[in-house]
N, C-alpha and C. Protein backbone atom coordinates (compact mmCIF):
# COMPACT_ATOMS: atom_id res chain seq x y z
N MET A 1 -12.54 -5.55 2.65
CA MET A 1 -11.34 -6.35 2.79
C MET A 1 -10.09 -5.59 2.34
N LEU A 2 -10.16 -4.95 1.18
CA LEU A 2 -8.99 -4.24 0.66
C LEU A 2 -8.68 -3.02 1.52
N LYS A 3 -9.71 -2.33 1.98
CA LYS A 3 -9.46 -1.18 2.85
C LYS A 3 -8.85 -1.63 4.17
N ALA A 4 -9.25 -2.80 4.66
CA ALA A 4 -8.65 -3.34 5.89
C ALA A 4 -7.18 -3.67 5.64
N ASN A 5 -6.87 -4.25 4.48
CA ASN A 5 -5.47 -4.53 4.14
C ASN A 5 -4.67 -3.24 4.09
N TRP A 6 -5.23 -2.21 3.46
CA TRP A 6 -4.56 -0.92 3.37
C TRP A 6 -4.33 -0.37 4.78
N GLY A 7 -5.31 -0.51 5.65
CA GLY A 7 -5.14 -0.06 7.04
C GLY A 7 -4.01 -0.78 7.73
N ASN A 8 -3.89 -2.08 7.52
CA ASN A 8 -2.79 -2.85 8.11
C ASN A 8 -1.44 -2.42 7.53
N ILE A 9 -1.40 -2.17 6.25
CA ILE A 9 -0.16 -1.71 5.61
C ILE A 9 0.27 -0.37 6.20
N THR A 10 -0.64 0.58 6.23
CA THR A 10 -0.27 1.92 6.69
C THR A 10 0.08 1.93 8.18
N THR A 11 -0.63 1.13 8.98
CA THR A 11 -0.31 1.03 10.42
C THR A 11 1.11 0.52 10.61
N ASN A 12 1.46 -0.51 9.86
CA ASN A 12 2.82 -1.05 9.98
C ASN A 12 3.88 -0.09 9.46
N LEU A 13 3.59 0.58 8.35
CA LEU A 13 4.57 1.52 7.81
C LEU A 13 4.76 2.72 8.73
N ALA A 14 3.69 3.16 9.38
CA ALA A 14 3.78 4.32 10.28
C ALA A 14 4.76 4.07 11.42
N VAL A 15 4.90 2.81 11.84
CA VAL A 15 5.83 2.49 12.93
C VAL A 15 7.12 1.86 12.41
N GLY A 16 7.31 1.88 11.09
CA GLY A 16 8.55 1.39 10.51
C GLY A 16 8.65 -0.11 10.38
N ASN A 17 7.54 -0.82 10.49
CA ASN A 17 7.55 -2.27 10.39
C ASN A 17 7.35 -2.68 8.92
N ILE A 18 8.40 -2.52 8.15
CA ILE A 18 8.35 -2.78 6.72
C ILE A 18 8.05 -4.25 6.42
N GLU A 19 8.69 -5.15 7.13
CA GLU A 19 8.50 -6.58 6.84
C GLU A 19 7.06 -7.01 7.03
N GLN A 20 6.41 -6.53 8.08
CA GLN A 20 5.01 -6.89 8.30
C GLN A 20 4.13 -6.27 7.22
N ALA A 21 4.41 -5.03 6.84
CA ALA A 21 3.65 -4.39 5.76
C ALA A 21 3.78 -5.16 4.46
N LEU A 22 4.96 -5.69 4.20
CA LEU A 22 5.20 -6.41 2.95
C LEU A 22 4.42 -7.71 2.85
N THR A 23 3.90 -8.23 3.94
CA THR A 23 3.08 -9.44 3.86
C THR A 23 1.78 -9.17 3.12
N TYR A 24 1.42 -7.89 2.95
CA TYR A 24 0.21 -7.51 2.22
C TYR A 24 0.52 -7.16 0.77
N PHE A 25 1.75 -7.42 0.33
CA PHE A 25 2.17 -7.22 -1.06
C PHE A 25 2.29 -8.59 -1.72
N ALA A 26 2.05 -8.66 -3.01
CA ALA A 26 2.22 -9.91 -3.75
C ALA A 26 3.68 -10.36 -3.62
N PRO A 27 3.91 -11.66 -3.45
CA PRO A 27 5.27 -12.16 -3.25
C PRO A 27 6.26 -11.69 -4.32
N GLY A 28 5.85 -11.62 -5.56
CA GLY A 28 6.76 -11.25 -6.64
C GLY A 28 7.22 -9.80 -6.64
N VAL A 29 6.60 -8.95 -5.84
CA VAL A 29 6.99 -7.53 -5.81
C VAL A 29 7.59 -7.10 -4.48
N ARG A 30 7.64 -8.00 -3.52
CA ARG A 30 8.09 -7.64 -2.17
C ARG A 30 9.51 -7.12 -2.14
N ASP A 31 10.43 -7.76 -2.85
CA ASP A 31 11.83 -7.30 -2.82
C ASP A 31 11.97 -5.88 -3.36
N ARG A 32 11.25 -5.60 -4.44
CA ARG A 32 11.32 -4.25 -5.03
C ARG A 32 10.81 -3.20 -4.04
N TYR A 33 9.67 -3.46 -3.41
CA TYR A 33 9.11 -2.50 -2.47
C TYR A 33 9.87 -2.47 -1.16
N ARG A 34 10.50 -3.58 -0.76
CA ARG A 34 11.34 -3.58 0.43
C ARG A 34 12.45 -2.55 0.26
N GLN A 35 13.08 -2.54 -0.91
CA GLN A 35 14.17 -1.60 -1.18
C GLN A 35 13.66 -0.16 -1.13
N VAL A 36 12.55 0.10 -1.80
CA VAL A 36 11.99 1.45 -1.84
C VAL A 36 11.63 1.92 -0.43
N LEU A 37 10.93 1.08 0.31
CA LEU A 37 10.48 1.46 1.66
C LEU A 37 11.65 1.63 2.62
N THR A 38 12.67 0.80 2.46
CA THR A 38 13.87 0.94 3.29
C THR A 38 14.55 2.27 3.00
N ASN A 39 14.60 2.66 1.73
CA ASN A 39 15.23 3.92 1.36
C ASN A 39 14.52 5.14 1.95
N ILE A 40 13.19 5.04 2.12
CA ILE A 40 12.45 6.19 2.66
C ILE A 40 12.03 5.97 4.12
N MET A 41 12.67 5.01 4.79
CA MET A 41 12.33 4.67 6.17
C MET A 41 12.19 5.89 7.09
N PRO A 42 13.09 6.87 7.04
CA PRO A 42 12.95 8.01 7.95
C PRO A 42 11.66 8.81 7.74
N ALA A 43 11.07 8.74 6.56
CA ALA A 43 9.85 9.50 6.26
C ALA A 43 8.57 8.71 6.46
N LEU A 44 8.66 7.41 6.71
CA LEU A 44 7.46 6.58 6.78
C LEU A 44 6.49 7.03 7.87
N GLY A 45 6.99 7.38 9.03
CA GLY A 45 6.12 7.82 10.12
C GLY A 45 5.28 9.03 9.73
N ALA A 46 5.92 10.00 9.11
CA ALA A 46 5.20 11.21 8.69
C ALA A 46 4.22 10.91 7.55
N LEU A 47 4.62 10.05 6.64
CA LEU A 47 3.76 9.73 5.50
C LEU A 47 2.51 8.95 5.91
N PHE A 48 2.64 8.08 6.90
CA PHE A 48 1.54 7.17 7.21
C PHE A 48 0.96 7.31 8.61
N SER A 49 1.37 8.34 9.36
CA SER A 49 0.81 8.52 10.70
C SER A 49 -0.67 8.91 10.63
N ASN A 50 -1.06 9.57 9.57
CA ASN A 50 -2.47 9.89 9.31
C ASN A 50 -2.80 9.26 7.96
N PRO A 51 -3.15 7.97 7.98
CA PRO A 51 -3.27 7.22 6.72
C PRO A 51 -4.26 7.83 5.74
N PRO A 52 -3.84 7.96 4.49
CA PRO A 52 -4.76 8.46 3.47
C PRO A 52 -5.83 7.42 3.15
N VAL A 53 -6.99 7.90 2.79
CA VAL A 53 -8.12 7.04 2.44
C VAL A 53 -7.97 6.60 0.99
N ILE A 54 -8.24 5.31 0.74
CA ILE A 54 -8.21 4.82 -0.64
C ILE A 54 -9.64 4.72 -1.16
N HIS A 55 -9.78 4.95 -2.47
CA HIS A 55 -11.10 4.96 -3.12
C HIS A 55 -11.09 3.98 -4.29
N PRO A 56 -12.05 3.06 -4.32
CA PRO A 56 -12.08 2.10 -5.43
C PRO A 56 -12.42 2.80 -6.74
N THR A 57 -11.72 2.43 -7.80
CA THR A 57 -12.03 2.95 -9.13
C THR A 57 -12.46 1.83 -10.07
N SER A 58 -11.98 0.61 -9.80
CA SER A 58 -12.33 -0.53 -10.64
C SER A 58 -12.09 -1.82 -9.86
N ILE A 59 -13.08 -2.68 -9.85
CA ILE A 59 -12.93 -3.98 -9.21
C ILE A 59 -13.50 -5.04 -10.15
N ASP A 60 -12.64 -5.95 -10.57
CA ASP A 60 -13.03 -7.06 -11.43
C ASP A 60 -12.67 -8.36 -10.71
N ALA A 61 -13.00 -9.45 -11.32
CA ALA A 61 -12.66 -10.76 -10.75
C ALA A 61 -11.15 -10.88 -10.59
N GLY A 62 -10.68 -10.82 -9.36
CA GLY A 62 -9.26 -11.02 -9.09
C GLY A 62 -8.38 -9.80 -9.19
N ASP A 63 -8.90 -8.66 -9.64
CA ASP A 63 -8.10 -7.44 -9.76
C ASP A 63 -8.90 -6.25 -9.26
N ALA A 64 -8.21 -5.32 -8.61
CA ALA A 64 -8.86 -4.11 -8.13
C ALA A 64 -7.91 -2.93 -8.25
N GLU A 65 -8.47 -1.80 -8.62
CA GLU A 65 -7.71 -0.55 -8.73
C GLU A 65 -8.31 0.44 -7.74
N TYR A 66 -7.45 1.06 -6.95
CA TYR A 66 -7.87 2.09 -6.00
C TYR A 66 -7.06 3.34 -6.25
N PHE A 67 -7.60 4.48 -5.82
CA PHE A 67 -6.92 5.76 -5.97
C PHE A 67 -6.73 6.36 -4.59
N VAL A 68 -5.58 6.96 -4.37
CA VAL A 68 -5.28 7.60 -3.09
C VAL A 68 -4.61 8.95 -3.35
N VAL A 69 -4.95 9.92 -2.54
CA VAL A 69 -4.31 11.24 -2.60
C VAL A 69 -3.44 11.40 -1.36
N MET A 70 -2.17 11.73 -1.60
CA MET A 70 -1.24 11.90 -0.49
C MET A 70 -0.57 13.25 -0.58
N PRO A 71 -0.56 13.99 0.55
CA PRO A 71 0.14 15.27 0.56
C PRO A 71 1.65 15.06 0.65
N GLN A 72 2.38 15.85 -0.14
CA GLN A 72 3.84 15.82 -0.11
C GLN A 72 4.34 17.23 -0.37
N ASN A 73 5.13 17.73 0.55
CA ASN A 73 5.73 19.06 0.41
C ASN A 73 4.68 20.13 0.13
N GLY A 74 3.55 20.05 0.83
CA GLY A 74 2.51 21.06 0.71
C GLY A 74 1.61 20.92 -0.51
N LYS A 75 1.79 19.88 -1.30
CA LYS A 75 0.96 19.65 -2.48
C LYS A 75 0.33 18.27 -2.37
N ASN A 76 -0.81 18.11 -3.02
CA ASN A 76 -1.47 16.81 -3.06
C ASN A 76 -1.13 16.09 -4.36
N TYR A 77 -0.80 14.81 -4.23
CA TYR A 77 -0.48 13.98 -5.38
C TYR A 77 -1.37 12.74 -5.35
N GLY A 78 -1.86 12.33 -6.52
CA GLY A 78 -2.71 11.16 -6.62
C GLY A 78 -1.93 9.96 -7.13
N TYR A 79 -2.24 8.81 -6.57
CA TYR A 79 -1.57 7.56 -6.94
C TYR A 79 -2.62 6.45 -7.08
N TYR A 80 -2.32 5.52 -7.96
CA TYR A 80 -3.16 4.34 -8.10
C TYR A 80 -2.51 3.18 -7.34
N LEU A 81 -3.34 2.38 -6.71
CA LEU A 81 -2.92 1.15 -6.06
C LEU A 81 -3.59 -0.01 -6.80
N TYR A 82 -2.83 -1.03 -7.10
CA TYR A 82 -3.38 -2.18 -7.80
C TYR A 82 -3.26 -3.41 -6.91
N PHE A 83 -4.39 -4.02 -6.65
CA PHE A 83 -4.45 -5.23 -5.85
C PHE A 83 -4.78 -6.41 -6.76
N SER A 84 -4.27 -7.57 -6.40
CA SER A 84 -4.67 -8.79 -7.10
C SER A 84 -4.97 -9.86 -6.05
N GLN A 85 -5.87 -10.72 -6.41
CA GLN A 85 -6.26 -11.80 -5.52
C GLN A 85 -5.45 -13.04 -5.87
N GLY A 86 -4.71 -13.54 -4.90
CA GLY A 86 -3.87 -14.71 -5.13
C GLY A 86 -4.69 -15.99 -5.21
N ALA A 87 -4.03 -17.06 -5.59
CA ALA A 87 -4.67 -18.37 -5.67
C ALA A 87 -5.23 -18.80 -4.31
N ASP A 88 -4.66 -18.23 -3.23
CA ASP A 88 -5.13 -18.54 -1.88
C ASP A 88 -6.35 -17.70 -1.48
N GLY A 89 -6.80 -16.82 -2.40
CA GLY A 89 -7.96 -15.98 -2.13
C GLY A 89 -7.66 -14.68 -1.43
N VAL A 90 -6.40 -14.46 -1.06
CA VAL A 90 -6.00 -13.26 -0.33
C VAL A 90 -5.67 -12.14 -1.32
N TRP A 91 -6.19 -10.94 -1.03
CA TRP A 91 -5.90 -9.76 -1.85
C TRP A 91 -4.60 -9.13 -1.36
N ARG A 92 -3.71 -8.83 -2.32
CA ARG A 92 -2.43 -8.21 -1.98
C ARG A 92 -2.10 -7.12 -3.00
N ILE A 93 -1.28 -6.17 -2.58
CA ILE A 93 -0.86 -5.11 -3.50
C ILE A 93 0.06 -5.70 -4.55
N GLN A 94 -0.25 -5.40 -5.79
CA GLN A 94 0.56 -5.82 -6.91
C GLN A 94 1.46 -4.67 -7.36
N SER A 95 0.94 -3.45 -7.24
CA SER A 95 1.70 -2.28 -7.69
C SER A 95 1.16 -1.03 -7.02
N LEU A 96 2.08 -0.11 -6.75
CA LEU A 96 1.73 1.21 -6.22
C LEU A 96 2.05 2.25 -7.26
């Protein structure tokens, strides 16, 4: 489920559809990430045209941590993704 959500996020970001990608983010963080993603809009296609694979590192009741490696300027950088399960049962990104 979380990998499918990540796939939907990256597919939307690759084509610049920030608003659709944000539906997979927790409501309380959408405005913050909208600003960040809007600022890097010209680079989104290159960043997400070949979506990086996410790897689970911790999954507990209602919370999950994944790790992703993304190339930037010829170097690889690792990032953690934090998902939380809302009261509606849907998993969404809480933090990148």
